[in-house]
PDB file of N, CA and C in Angstrom:
ATOM      1  N   MET A   1       3.623 -73.028   3.295  1.00  0.00           N
ATOM      2  CA  MET A   1       3.026 -71.715   3.083  1.00  0.00           C
ATOM      3  C   MET A   1       1.897 -71.493   4.082  1.00  0.00           C
ATOM      4  N   THR A   2       1.811 -70.269   4.541  1.00  0.00           N
ATOM      5  CA  THR A   2       0.800 -69.966   5.548  1.00  0.00           C
ATOM      6  C   THR A   2      -0.568 -69.766   4.905  1.00  0.00           C
ATOM      7  N   ARG A   3      -1.565 -70.017   5.706  1.00  0.00           N
ATOM      8  CA  ARG A   3      -2.931 -69.891   5.225  1.00  0.00           C
ATOM      9  C   ARG A   3      -3.371 -68.432   5.329  1.00  0.00           C
ATOM     10  N   VAL A   4      -4.046 -67.959   4.284  1.00  0.00           N
ATOM     11  CA  VAL A   4      -4.541 -66.583   4.277  1.00  0.00           C
ATOM     12  C   VAL A   4      -6.062 -66.609   4.356  1.00  0.00           C
ATOM     13  N   LYS A   5      -6.577 -65.953   5.380  1.00  0.00           N
ATOM     14  CA  LYS A   5      -8.033 -65.847   5.514  1.00  0.00           C
ATOM     15  C   LYS A   5      -8.435 -64.467   5.025  1.00  0.00           C
ATOM     16  N   ARG A   6      -9.379 -64.414   4.090  1.00  0.00           N
ATOM     17  CA  ARG A   6      -9.699 -63.169   3.412  1.00  0.00           C
ATOM     18  C   ARG A   6     -10.970 -62.481   3.931  1.00  0.00           C
ATOM     19  N   GLY A   7     -11.502 -62.962   5.021  1.00  0.00           N
ATOM     20  CA  GLY A   7     -12.779 -62.432   5.498  1.00  0.00           C
ATOM     21  C   GLY A   7     -12.752 -60.945   5.781  1.00  0.00           C
ATOM     22  N   VAL A   8     -11.703 -60.489   6.449  1.00  0.00           N
ATOM     23  CA  VAL A   8     -11.641 -59.082   6.862  1.00  0.00           C
ATOM     24  C   VAL A   8     -11.547 -58.168   5.646  1.00  0.00           C
ATOM     25  N   SER A   9     -10.627 -58.475   4.729  1.00  0.00           N
ATOM     26  CA  SER A   9     -10.441 -57.596   3.566  1.00  0.00           C
ATOM     27  C   SER A   9     -11.647 -57.632   2.638  1.00  0.00           C
ATOM     28  N   ALA A  10     -12.282 -58.811   2.500  1.00  0.00           N
ATOM     29  CA  ALA A  10     -13.460 -58.928   1.636  1.00  0.00           C
ATOM     30  C   ALA A  10     -14.620 -58.105   2.199  1.00  0.00           C
ATOM     31  N   ASN A  11     -14.810 -58.196   3.524  1.00  0.00           N
ATOM     32  CA  ASN A  11     -15.892 -57.422   4.146  1.00  0.00           C
ATOM     33  C   ASN A  11     -15.631 -55.922   4.058  1.00  0.00           C
ATOM     34  N   LYS A  12     -14.348 -55.545   4.184  1.00  0.00           N
ATOM     35  CA  LYS A  12     -13.984 -54.138   4.093  1.00  0.00           C
ATOM     36  C   LYS A  12     -14.317 -53.586   2.703  1.00  0.00           C
ATOM     37  N   LYS A  13     -14.006 -54.380   1.684  1.00  0.00           N
ATOM     38  CA  LYS A  13     -14.282 -53.998   0.302  1.00  0.00           C
ATOM     39  C   LYS A  13     -15.795 -53.846   0.073  1.00  0.00           C
ATOM     40  N   LYS A  14     -16.530 -54.827   0.591  1.00  0.00           N
ATOM     41  CA  LYS A  14     -17.981 -54.833   0.417  1.00  0.00           C
ATOM     42  C   LYS A  14     -18.636 -53.644   1.105  1.00  0.00           C
ATOM     43  N   THR A  15     -18.207 -53.349   2.337  1.00  0.00           N
ATOM     44  CA  THR A  15     -18.808 -52.222   3.060  1.00  0.00           C
ATOM     45  C   THR A  15     -18.455 -50.891   2.397  1.00  0.00           C
ATOM     46  N   ALA A  16     -17.249 -50.811   1.795  1.00  0.00           N
ATOM     47  CA  ALA A  16     -16.860 -49.580   1.103  1.00  0.00           C
ATOM     48  C   ALA A  16     -17.776 -49.331  -0.094  1.00  0.00           C
ATOM     49  N   VAL A  17     -18.097 -50.391  -0.830  1.00  0.00           N
ATOM     50  CA  VAL A  17     -18.986 -50.264  -1.987  1.00  0.00           C
ATOM     51  C   VAL A  17     -20.388 -49.883  -1.526  1.00  0.00           C
ATOM     52  N   LEU A  18     -20.894 -50.569  -0.498  1.00  0.00           N
ATOM     53  CA  LEU A  18     -22.255 -50.325  -0.037  1.00  0.00           C
ATOM     54  C   LEU A  18     -22.411 -48.952   0.632  1.00  0.00           C
ATOM     55  N   LYS A  19     -21.318 -48.414   1.169  1.00  0.00           N
ATOM     56  CA  LYS A  19     -21.373 -47.088   1.770  1.00  0.00           C
ATOM     57  C   LYS A  19     -21.676 -46.031   0.702  1.00  0.00           C
ATOM     58  N   HIS A  20     -21.129 -46.221  -0.498  1.00  0.00           N
ATOM     59  CA  HIS A  20     -21.350 -45.270  -1.582  1.00  0.00           C
ATOM     60  C   HIS A  20     -22.751 -45.370  -2.179  1.00  0.00           C
ATOM     61  N   THR A  21     -23.416 -46.507  -1.998  1.00  0.00           N
ATOM     62  CA  THR A  21     -24.736 -46.682  -2.610  1.00  0.00           C
ATOM     63  C   THR A  21     -25.878 -46.380  -1.643  1.00  0.00           C
ATOM     64  N   LYS A  22     -25.574 -45.739  -0.538  1.00  0.00           N
ATOM     65  CA  LYS A  22     -26.612 -45.378   0.418  1.00  0.00           C
ATOM     66  C   LYS A  22     -27.608 -44.431  -0.262  1.00  0.00           C
ATOM     67  N   GLY A  23     -28.880 -44.723  -0.151  1.00  0.00           N
ATOM     68  CA  GLY A  23     -29.899 -43.893  -0.757  1.00  0.00           C
ATOM     69  C   GLY A  23     -30.331 -44.372  -2.133  1.00  0.00           C
ATOM     70  N   PHE A  24     -29.655 -45.391  -2.681  1.00  0.00           N
ATOM     71  CA  PHE A  24     -30.076 -45.940  -3.967  1.00  0.00           C
ATOM     72  C   PHE A  24     -31.338 -46.762  -3.751  1.00  0.00           C
ATOM     73  N   ARG A  25     -32.073 -47.022  -4.836  1.00  0.00           N
ATOM     74  CA  ARG A  25     -33.341 -47.729  -4.713  1.00  0.00           C
ATOM     75  C   ARG A  25     -33.166 -49.228  -4.922  1.00  0.00           C
ATOM     76  N   TRP A  26     -34.096 -49.962  -4.358  1.00  0.00           N
ATOM     77  CA  TRP A  26     -34.219 -51.409  -4.498  1.00  0.00           C
ATOM     78  C   TRP A  26     -32.950 -52.138  -4.077  1.00  0.00           C
ATOM     79  N   GLY A  27     -32.558 -53.157  -4.781  1.00  0.00           N
ATOM     80  CA  GLY A  27     -31.429 -53.982  -4.340  1.00  0.00           C
ATOM     81  C   GLY A  27     -30.078 -53.347  -4.588  1.00  0.00           C
ATOM     82  N   ARG A  28     -30.089 -52.211  -5.285  1.00  0.00           N
ATOM     83  CA  ARG A  28     -28.813 -51.585  -5.633  1.00  0.00           C
ATOM     84  C   ARG A  28     -28.119 -50.972  -4.418  1.00  0.00           C
ATOM     85  N   LYS A  29     -28.855 -50.869  -3.304  1.00  0.00           N
ATOM     86  CA  LYS A  29     -28.230 -50.331  -2.101  1.00  0.00           C
ATOM     87  C   LYS A  29     -27.723 -51.430  -1.169  1.00  0.00           C
ATOM     88  N   SER A  30     -28.172 -52.679  -1.378  1.00  0.00           N
ATOM     89  CA  SER A  30     -27.842 -53.712  -0.411  1.00  0.00           C
ATOM     90  C   SER A  30     -27.135 -54.927  -1.000  1.00  0.00           C
ATOM     91  N   LYS A  31     -27.297 -55.165  -2.293  1.00  0.00           N
ATOM     92  CA  LYS A  31     -26.665 -56.328  -2.923  1.00  0.00           C
ATOM     93  C   LYS A  31     -25.383 -55.886  -3.600  1.00  0.00           C
ATOM     94  N   GLU A  32     -24.303 -56.566  -3.246  1.00  0.00           N
ATOM     95  CA  GLU A  32     -22.982 -56.108  -3.671  1.00  0.00           C
ATOM     96  C   GLU A  32     -22.829 -56.026  -5.187  1.00  0.00           C
ATOM     97  N   LYS A  33     -23.294 -57.041  -5.891  1.00  0.00           N
ATOM     98  CA  LYS A  33     -23.129 -57.061  -7.347  1.00  0.00           C
ATOM     99  C   LYS A  33     -23.917 -55.926  -8.007  1.00  0.00           C
ATOM    100  N   ALA A  34     -25.160 -55.740  -7.575  1.00  0.00           N
ATOM    101  CA  ALA A  34     -25.991 -54.673  -8.128  1.00  0.00           C
ATOM    102  C   ALA A  34     -25.443 -53.297  -7.742  1.00  0.00           C
ATOM    103  N   ALA A  35     -24.883 -53.209  -6.548  1.00  0.00           N
ATOM    104  CA  ALA A  35     -24.327 -51.937  -6.078  1.00  0.00           C
ATOM    105  C   ALA A  35     -23.112 -51.536  -6.906  1.00  0.00           C
ATOM    106  N   LYS A  36     -22.254 -52.500  -7.226  1.00  0.00           N
ATOM    107  CA  LYS A  36     -21.073 -52.217  -8.053  1.00  0.00           C
ATOM    108  C   LYS A  36     -21.492 -51.701  -9.425  1.00  0.00           C
ATOM    109  N   GLU A  37     -22.473 -52.363 -10.005  1.00  0.00           N
ATOM    110  CA  GLU A  37     -22.976 -51.969 -11.328  1.00  0.00           C
ATOM    111  C   GLU A  37     -23.576 -50.561 -11.284  1.00  0.00           C
ATOM    112  N   ALA A  38     -24.351 -50.289 -10.227  1.00  0.00           N
ATOM    113  CA  ALA A  38     -24.979 -48.972 -10.083  1.00  0.00           C
ATOM    114  C   ALA A  38     -23.925 -47.879  -9.928  1.00  0.00           C
ATOM    115  N   LEU A  39     -22.864 -48.183  -9.189  1.00  0.00           N
ATOM    116  CA  LEU A  39     -21.808 -47.191  -8.983  1.00  0.00           C
ATOM    117  C   LEU A  39     -21.051 -46.900 -10.265  1.00  0.00           C
ATOM    118  N   LEU A  40     -20.845 -47.917 -11.090  1.00  0.00           N
ATOM    119  CA  LEU A  40     -20.166 -47.703 -12.370  1.00  0.00           C
ATOM    120  C   LEU A  40     -20.922 -46.659 -13.197  1.00  0.00           C
ATOM    121  N   HIS A  41     -22.239 -46.810 -13.238  1.00  0.00           N
ATOM    122  CA  HIS A  41     -23.051 -45.868 -13.996  1.00  0.00           C
ATOM    123  C   HIS A  41     -23.104 -44.501 -13.294  1.00  0.00           C
ATOM    124  N   ALA A  42     -23.299 -44.533 -11.980  1.00  0.00           N
ATOM    125  CA  ALA A  42     -23.454 -43.278 -11.234  1.00  0.00           C
ATOM    126  C   ALA A  42     -22.210 -42.410 -11.349  1.00  0.00           C
ATOM    127  N   TRP A  43     -21.047 -43.015 -11.228  1.00  0.00           N
ATOM    128  CA  TRP A  43     -19.814 -42.227 -11.271  1.00  0.00           C
ATOM    129  C   TRP A  43     -19.528 -41.699 -12.677  1.00  0.00           C
ATOM    130  N   SER A  44     -19.904 -42.459 -13.694  1.00  0.00           N
ATOM    131  CA  SER A  44     -19.689 -41.946 -15.055  1.00  0.00           C
ATOM    132  C   SER A  44     -20.645 -40.786 -15.341  1.00  0.00           C
ATOM    133  N   HIS A  45     -21.882 -40.871 -14.830  1.00  0.00           N
ATOM    134  CA  HIS A  45     -22.825 -39.763 -15.000  1.00  0.00           C
ATOM    135  C   HIS A  45     -22.354 -38.535 -14.217  1.00  0.00           C
ATOM    136  N   ALA A  46     -21.792 -38.765 -13.040  1.00  0.00           N
ATOM    137  CA  ALA A  46     -21.312 -37.651 -12.216  1.00  0.00           C
ATOM    138  C   ALA A  46     -20.158 -36.936 -12.908  1.00  0.00           C
ATOM    139  N   TYR A  47     -19.274 -37.692 -13.533  1.00  0.00           N
ATOM    140  CA  TYR A  47     -18.133 -37.114 -14.252  1.00  0.00           C
ATOM    141  C   TYR A  47     -18.637 -36.232 -15.393  1.00  0.00           C
ATOM    142  N   ARG A  48     -19.575 -36.780 -16.168  1.00  0.00           N
ATOM    143  CA  ARG A  48     -20.139 -36.035 -17.288  1.00  0.00           C
ATOM    144  C   ARG A  48     -20.884 -34.789 -16.787  1.00  0.00           C
ATOM    145  N   GLY A  49     -21.593 -34.944 -15.675  1.00  0.00           N
ATOM    146  CA  GLY A  49     -22.363 -33.843 -15.107  1.00  0.00           C
ATOM    147  C   GLY A  49     -21.497 -32.678 -14.684  1.00  0.00           C
ATOM    148  N   ARG A  50     -20.292 -32.969 -14.183  1.00  0.00           N
ATOM    149  CA  ARG A  50     -19.397 -31.883 -13.794  1.00  0.00           C
ATOM    150  C   ARG A  50     -18.978 -31.062 -14.998  1.00  0.00           C
ATOM    151  N   LYS A  51     -18.779 -31.716 -16.122  1.00  0.00           N
ATOM    152  CA  LYS A  51     -18.424 -30.994 -17.356  1.00  0.00           C
ATOM    153  C   LYS A  51     -19.622 -30.182 -17.857  1.00  0.00           C
ATOM    154  N   GLU A  52     -20.808 -30.783 -17.811  1.00  0.00           N
ATOM    155  CA  GLU A  52     -22.020 -30.098 -18.275  1.00  0.00           C
ATOM    156  C   GLU A  52     -22.329 -28.875 -17.418  1.00  0.00           C
ATOM    157  N   ASN A  53     -22.054 -28.978 -16.126  1.00  0.00           N
ATOM    158  CA  ASN A  53     -22.317 -27.860 -15.224  1.00  0.00           C
ATOM    159  C   ASN A  53     -21.495 -26.645 -15.616  1.00  0.00           C
ATOM    160  N   LYS A  54     -20.221 -26.862 -15.939  1.00  0.00           N
ATOM    161  CA  LYS A  54     -19.355 -25.761 -16.370  1.00  0.00           C
ATOM    162  C   LYS A  54     -19.892 -25.130 -17.645  1.00  0.00           C
ATOM    163  N   ARG A  55     -20.347 -25.983 -18.564  1.00  0.00           N
ATOM    164  CA  ARG A  55     -20.907 -25.519 -19.835  1.00  0.00           C
ATOM    165  C   ARG A  55     -22.151 -24.668 -19.600  1.00  0.00           C
ATOM    166  N   ASP A  56     -23.028 -25.151 -18.734  1.00  0.00           N
ATOM    167  CA  ASP A  56     -24.280 -24.444 -18.455  1.00  0.00           C
ATOM    168  C   ASP A  56     -24.032 -23.096 -17.785  1.00  0.00           C
ATOM    169  N   GLN A  57     -23.069 -23.068 -16.859  1.00  0.00           N
ATOM    170  CA  GLN A  57     -22.757 -21.824 -16.165  1.00  0.00           C
ATOM    171  C   GLN A  57     -22.247 -20.771 -17.131  1.00  0.00           C
ATOM    172  N   ARG A  58     -21.348 -21.170 -18.030  1.00  0.00           N
ATOM    173  CA  ARG A  58     -20.807 -20.213 -18.997  1.00  0.00           C
ATOM    174  C   ARG A  58     -21.922 -19.668 -19.894  1.00  0.00           C
ATOM    175  N   GLN A  59     -22.833 -20.542 -20.292  1.00  0.00           N
ATOM    176  CA  GLN A  59     -23.967 -20.129 -21.130  1.00  0.00           C
ATOM    177  C   GLN A  59     -24.835 -19.108 -20.385  1.00  0.00           C
ATOM    178  N   LEU A  60     -25.047 -19.340 -19.105  1.00  0.00           N
ATOM    179  CA  LEU A  60     -25.842 -18.434 -18.281  1.00  0.00           C
ATOM    180  C   LEU A  60     -25.161 -17.073 -18.145  1.00  0.00           C
ATOM    181  N   TRP A  61     -23.831 -17.089 -17.945  1.00  0.00           N
ATOM    182  CA  TRP A  61     -23.090 -15.825 -17.851  1.00  0.00           C
ATOM    183  C   TRP A  61     -23.255 -15.023 -19.132  1.00  0.00           C
ATOM    184  N   ASN A  62     -23.148 -15.706 -20.284  1.00  0.00           N
ATOM    185  CA  ASN A  62     -23.267 -15.020 -21.570  1.00  0.00           C
ATOM    186  C   ASN A  62     -24.644 -14.368 -21.717  1.00  0.00           C
ATOM    187  N   VAL A  63     -25.673 -15.078 -21.287  1.00  0.00           N
ATOM    188  CA  VAL A  63     -27.042 -14.547 -21.382  1.00  0.00           C
ATOM    189  C   VAL A  63     -27.191 -13.306 -20.504  1.00  0.00           C
ATOM    190  N   LYS A  64     -26.639 -13.352 -19.291  1.00  0.00           N
ATOM    191  CA  LYS A  64     -26.745 -12.207 -18.373  1.00  0.00           C
ATOM    192  C   LYS A  64     -26.005 -10.989 -18.922  1.00  0.00           C
ATOM    193  N   ILE A  65     -24.803 -11.232 -19.467  1.00  0.00           N
ATOM    194  CA  ILE A  65     -24.018 -10.125 -20.033  1.00  0.00           C
ATOM    195  C   ILE A  65     -24.752  -9.531 -21.227  1.00  0.00           C
ATOM    196  N   ASN A  66     -25.287 -10.394 -22.071  1.00  0.00           N
ATOM    197  CA  ASN A  66     -26.004  -9.934 -23.264  1.00  0.00           C
ATOM    198  C   ASN A  66     -27.212  -9.082 -22.878  1.00  0.00           C
ATOM    199  N   ALA A  67     -27.970  -9.542 -21.888  1.00  0.00           N
ATOM    200  CA  ALA A  67     -29.165  -8.806 -21.469  1.00  0.00           C
ATOM    201  C   ALA A  67     -28.792  -7.424 -20.936  1.00  0.00           C
ATOM    202  N   ALA A  68     -27.745  -7.366 -20.130  1.00  0.00           N
ATOM    203  CA  ALA A  68     -27.346  -6.088 -19.538  1.00  0.00           C
ATOM    204  C   ALA A  68     -26.766  -5.144 -20.590  1.00  0.00           C
ATOM    205  N   SER A  69     -26.012  -5.690 -21.528  1.00  0.00           N
ATOM    206  CA  SER A  69     -25.384  -4.828 -22.538  1.00  0.00           C
ATOM    207  C   SER A  69     -26.402  -4.330 -23.558  1.00  0.00           C
ATOM    208  N   ARG A  70     -27.411  -5.129 -23.856  1.00  0.00           N
ATOM    209  CA  ARG A  70     -28.444  -4.705 -24.813  1.00  0.00           C
ATOM    210  C   ARG A  70     -29.288  -3.563 -24.249  1.00  0.00           C
ATOM    211  N   GLU A  71     -29.416  -3.517 -22.924  1.00  0.00           N
ATOM    212  CA  GLU A  71     -30.121  -2.388 -22.304  1.00  0.00           C
ATOM    213  C   GLU A  71     -29.390  -1.076 -22.580  1.00  0.00           C
ATOM    214  N   GLU A  72     -28.072  -1.181 -22.755  1.00  0.00           N
ATOM    215  CA  GLU A  72     -27.248  -0.002 -23.055  1.00  0.00           C
ATOM    216  C   GLU A  72     -27.054   0.188 -24.555  1.00  0.00           C
ATOM    217  N   GLY A  73     -27.656  -0.676 -25.369  1.00  0.00           N
ATOM    218  CA  GLY A  73     -27.611  -0.527 -26.815  1.00  0.00           C
ATOM    219  C   GLY A  73     -26.414  -1.168 -27.499  1.00  0.00           C
ATOM    220  N   VAL A  74     -25.789  -2.133 -26.823  1.00  0.00           N
ATOM    221  CA  VAL A  74     -24.632  -2.827 -27.406  1.00  0.00           C
ATOM    222  C   VAL A  74     -24.911  -4.322 -27.366  1.00  0.00           C
ATOM    223  N   SER A  75     -24.613  -5.013 -28.471  1.00  0.00           N
ATOM    224  CA  SER A  75     -24.816  -6.461 -28.467  1.00  0.00           C
ATOM    225  C   SER A  75     -23.659  -7.149 -27.737  1.00  0.00           C
ATOM    226  N   TYR A  76     -23.870  -8.390 -27.384  1.00  0.00           N
ATOM    227  CA  TYR A  76     -22.874  -9.163 -26.642  1.00  0.00           C
ATOM    228  C   TYR A  76     -21.568  -9.280 -27.420  1.00  0.00           C
ATOM    229  N   SER A  77     -21.666  -9.622 -28.700  1.00  0.00           N
ATOM    230  CA  SER A  77     -20.462  -9.856 -29.493  1.00  0.00           C
ATOM    231  C   SER A  77     -19.645  -8.573 -29.656  1.00  0.00           C
ATOM    232  N   LYS A  78     -20.338  -7.452 -29.848  1.00  0.00           N
ATOM    233  CA  LYS A  78     -19.638  -6.166 -29.985  1.00  0.00           C
ATOM    234  C   LYS A  78     -18.960  -5.777 -28.668  1.00  0.00           C
ATOM    235  N   LEU A  79     -19.643  -6.075 -27.559  1.00  0.00           N
ATOM    236  CA  LEU A  79     -19.074  -5.772 -26.247  1.00  0.00           C
ATOM    237  C   LEU A  79     -17.800  -6.572 -26.015  1.00  0.00           C
ATOM    238  N   VAL A  80     -17.852  -7.867 -26.293  1.00  0.00           N
ATOM    239  CA  VAL A  80     -16.691  -8.737 -26.056  1.00  0.00           C
ATOM    240  C   VAL A  80     -15.518  -8.322 -26.935  1.00  0.00           C
ATOM    241  N   SER A  81     -15.782  -8.003 -28.193  1.00  0.00           N
ATOM    242  CA  SER A  81     -14.691  -7.581 -29.076  1.00  0.00           C
ATOM    243  C   SER A  81     -14.116  -6.241 -28.628  1.00  0.00           C
ATOM    244  N   ALA A  82     -14.968  -5.319 -28.157  1.00  0.00           N
ATOM    245  CA  ALA A  82     -14.489  -4.024 -27.666  1.00  0.00           C
ATOM    246  C   ALA A  82     -13.638  -4.186 -26.412  1.00  0.00           C
ATOM    247  N   LEU A  83     -14.042  -5.118 -25.544  1.00  0.00           N
ATOM    248  CA  LEU A  83     -13.257  -5.381 -24.330  1.00  0.00           C
ATOM    249  C   LEU A  83     -11.867  -5.908 -24.693  1.00  0.00           C
ATOM    250  N   LYS A  84     -11.816  -6.796 -25.683  1.00  0.00           N
ATOM    251  CA  LYS A  84     -10.522  -7.350 -26.105  1.00  0.00           C
ATOM    252  C   LYS A  84      -9.647  -6.283 -26.747  1.00  0.00           C
ATOM    253  N   LYS A  85     -10.245  -5.423 -27.588  1.00  0.00           N
ATOM    254  CA  LYS A  85      -9.478  -4.357 -28.249  1.00  0.00           C
ATOM    255  C   LYS A  85      -8.890  -3.382 -27.237  1.00  0.00           C
ATOM    256  N   ASN A  86      -9.671  -3.055 -26.204  1.00  0.00           N
ATOM    257  CA  ASN A  86      -9.217  -2.111 -25.178  1.00  0.00           C
ATOM    258  C   ASN A  86      -8.435  -2.784 -24.053  1.00  0.00           C
ATOM    259  N   ASN A  87      -8.153  -4.062 -24.225  1.00  0.00           N
ATOM    260  CA  ASN A  87      -7.334  -4.834 -23.277  1.00  0.00           C
ATOM    261  C   ASN A  87      -7.922  -4.842 -21.866  1.00  0.00           C
ATOM    262  N   ILE A  88      -9.232  -4.938 -21.772  1.00  0.00           N
ATOM    263  CA  ILE A  88      -9.915  -5.077 -20.479  1.00  0.00           C
ATOM    264  C   ILE A  88     -10.072  -6.567 -20.224  1.00  0.00           C
ATOM    265  N   LEU A  89      -9.312  -7.077 -19.259  1.00  0.00           N
ATOM    266  CA  LEU A  89      -9.231  -8.525 -19.040  1.00  0.00           C
ATOM    267  C   LEU A  89     -10.152  -8.980 -17.910  1.00  0.00           C
ATOM    268  N   LEU A  90     -11.435  -8.907 -18.151  1.00  0.00           N
ATOM    269  CA  LEU A  90     -12.415  -9.435 -17.198  1.00  0.00           C
ATOM    270  C   LEU A  90     -13.069 -10.662 -17.804  1.00  0.00           C
ATOM    271  N   ASN A  91     -13.159 -11.726 -17.012  1.00  0.00           N
ATOM    272  CA  ASN A  91     -13.792 -12.926 -17.551  1.00  0.00           C
ATOM    273  C   ASN A  91     -15.314 -12.826 -17.485  1.00  0.00           C
ATOM    274  N   ARG A  92     -15.989 -13.764 -18.109  1.00  0.00           N
ATOM    275  CA  ARG A  92     -17.439 -13.700 -18.241  1.00  0.00           C
ATOM    276  C   ARG A  92     -18.151 -13.835 -16.900  1.00  0.00           C
ATOM    277  N   LYS A  93     -17.554 -14.601 -15.998  1.00  0.00           N
ATOM    278  CA  LYS A  93     -18.174 -14.774 -14.682  1.00  0.00           C
ATOM    279  C   LYS A  93     -18.244 -13.440 -13.949  1.00  0.00           C
ATOM    280  N   VAL A  94     -17.140 -12.729 -13.935  1.00  0.00           N
ATOM    281  CA  VAL A  94     -17.080 -11.432 -13.248  1.00  0.00           C
ATOM    282  C   VAL A  94     -18.003 -10.431 -13.930  1.00  0.00           C
ATOM    283  N   LEU A  95     -17.981 -10.403 -15.259  1.00  0.00           N
ATOM    284  CA  LEU A  95     -18.847  -9.468 -15.993  1.00  0.00           C
ATOM    285  C   LEU A  95     -20.320  -9.722 -15.699  1.00  0.00           C
ATOM    286  N   SER A  96     -20.708 -11.002 -15.640  1.00  0.00           N
ATOM    287  CA  SER A  96     -22.122 -11.309 -15.381  1.00  0.00           C
ATOM    288  C   SER A  96     -22.526 -10.917 -13.967  1.00  0.00           C
ATOM    289  N   GLU A  97     -21.616 -11.115 -13.004  1.00  0.00           N
ATOM    290  CA  GLU A  97     -21.929 -10.716 -11.628  1.00  0.00           C
ATOM    291  C   GLU A  97     -22.051  -9.202 -11.519  1.00  0.00           C
ATOM    292  N   LEU A  98     -21.179  -8.484 -12.217  1.00  0.00           N
ATOM    293  CA  LEU A  98     -21.274  -7.028 -12.224  1.00  0.00           C
ATOM    294  C   LEU A  98     -22.584  -6.572 -12.871  1.00  0.00           C
ATOM    295  N   ALA A  99     -22.936  -7.218 -13.977  1.00  0.00           N
ATOM    296  CA  ALA A  99     -24.163  -6.856 -14.683  1.00  0.00           C
ATOM    297  C   ALA A  99     -25.390  -7.079 -13.811  1.00  0.00           C
ATOM    298  N   GLU A 100     -25.347  -8.127 -13.004  1.00  0.00           N
ATOM    299  CA  GLU A 100     -26.499  -8.477 -12.186  1.00  0.00           C
ATOM    300  C   GLU A 100     -26.559  -7.654 -10.896  1.00  0.00           C
ATOM    301  N   LYS A 101     -25.413  -7.534 -10.197  1.00  0.00           N
ATOM    302  CA  LYS A 101     -25.420  -6.953  -8.855  1.00  0.00           C
ATOM    303  C   LYS A 101     -24.944  -5.513  -8.796  1.00  0.00           C
ATOM    304  N   GLU A 102     -24.067  -5.120  -9.723  1.00  0.00           N
ATOM    305  CA  GLU A 102     -23.516  -3.758  -9.733  1.00  0.00           C
ATOM    306  C   GLU A 102     -23.702  -3.126 -11.114  1.00  0.00           C
ATOM    307  N   PRO A 103     -24.926  -2.753 -11.482  1.00  0.00           N
ATOM    308  CA  PRO A 103     -25.163  -2.229 -12.829  1.00  0.00           C
ATOM    309  C   PRO A 103     -24.395  -0.942 -13.145  1.00  0.00           C
ATOM    310  N   GLU A 104     -24.143  -0.103 -12.115  1.00  0.00           N
ATOM    311  CA  GLU A 104     -23.399   1.137 -12.347  1.00  0.00           C
ATOM    312  C   GLU A 104     -21.970   0.834 -12.773  1.00  0.00           C
ATOM    313  N   ALA A 105     -21.346  -0.128 -12.099  1.00  0.00           N
ATOM    314  CA  ALA A 105     -19.971  -0.521 -12.437  1.00  0.00           C
ATOM    315  C   ALA A 105     -19.925  -1.134 -13.834  1.00  0.00           C
ATOM    316  N   PHE A 106     -20.945  -1.905 -14.166  1.00  0.00           N
ATOM    317  CA  PHE A 106     -21.013  -2.522 -15.493  1.00  0.00           C
ATOM    318  C   PHE A 106     -21.131  -1.439 -16.568  1.00  0.00           C
ATOM    319  N   LYS A 107     -21.921  -0.404 -16.296  1.00  0.00           N
ATOM    320  CA  LYS A 107     -22.079   0.699 -17.248  1.00  0.00           C
ATOM    321  C   LYS A 107     -20.758   1.440 -17.465  1.00  0.00           C
ATOM    322  N   LYS A 108     -19.972   1.588 -16.386  1.00  0.00           N
ATOM    323  CA  LYS A 108     -18.661   2.239 -16.503  1.00  0.00           C
ATOM    324  C   LYS A 108     -17.716   1.414 -17.367  1.00  0.00           C
ATOM    325  N   ILE A 109     -17.759   0.107 -17.183  1.00  0.00           N
ATOM    326  CA  ILE A 109     -16.920  -0.795 -18.009  1.00  0.00           C
ATOM    327  C   ILE A 109     -17.350  -0.701 -19.458  1.00  0.00           C
ATOM    328  N   LEU A 110     -18.648  -0.673 -19.683  1.00  0.00           N
ATOM    329  CA  LEU A 110     -19.181  -0.544 -21.032  1.00  0.00           C
ATOM    330  C   LEU A 110     -18.726   0.768 -21.682  1.00  0.00           C
ATOM    331  N   ALA A 111     -18.770   1.844 -20.924  1.00  0.00           N
ATOM    332  CA  ALA A 111     -18.344   3.146 -21.444  1.00  0.00           C
ATOM    333  C   ALA A 111     -16.855   3.145 -21.776  1.00  0.00           C
ATOM    334  N   LYS A 112     -16.074   2.488 -20.940  1.00  0.00           N
ATOM    335  CA  LYS A 112     -14.625   2.411 -21.175  1.00  0.00           C
ATOM    336  C   LYS A 112     -14.323   1.553 -22.409  1.00  0.00           C
ATOM    337  N   ALA A 113     -15.132   0.531 -22.615  1.00  0.00           N
ATOM    338  CA  ALA A 113     -14.930  -0.363 -23.774  1.00  0.00           C
ATOM    339  C   ALA A 113     -15.274   0.348 -25.084  1.00  0.00           C
ATOM    340  N   LYS A 114     -16.275   1.247 -25.044  1.00  0.00           N
ATOM    341  CA  LYS A 114     -16.656   1.990 -26.254  1.00  0.00           C
ATOM    342  C   LYS A 114     -15.553   2.968 -26.568  1.00  0.00           C
TER     343      LYS A 114
END
């Protein structure tokens, strides 16, 4: 059986791990074992953070829509139910952008929903 030297593949693996830990503090950026451990935590937090970001954005859209609709004398829940009844299929992201940047267009949508 032929001899297998693992230096190249081992170094490749190590540099790949250390490349991801650039900017980490203390030994977690330079020591392979600590870097692996840090990445396990960092990637799990990043995964969770992506889900939380979506949640936070939707919450922000709801607040913007509510603020704009209350200026016109309609609560958020009544607006959303009126939009569904009148089959106006705009999502919350679009509605919040309209409320923020195009108030006239938002008022027209509100009038159509009533």
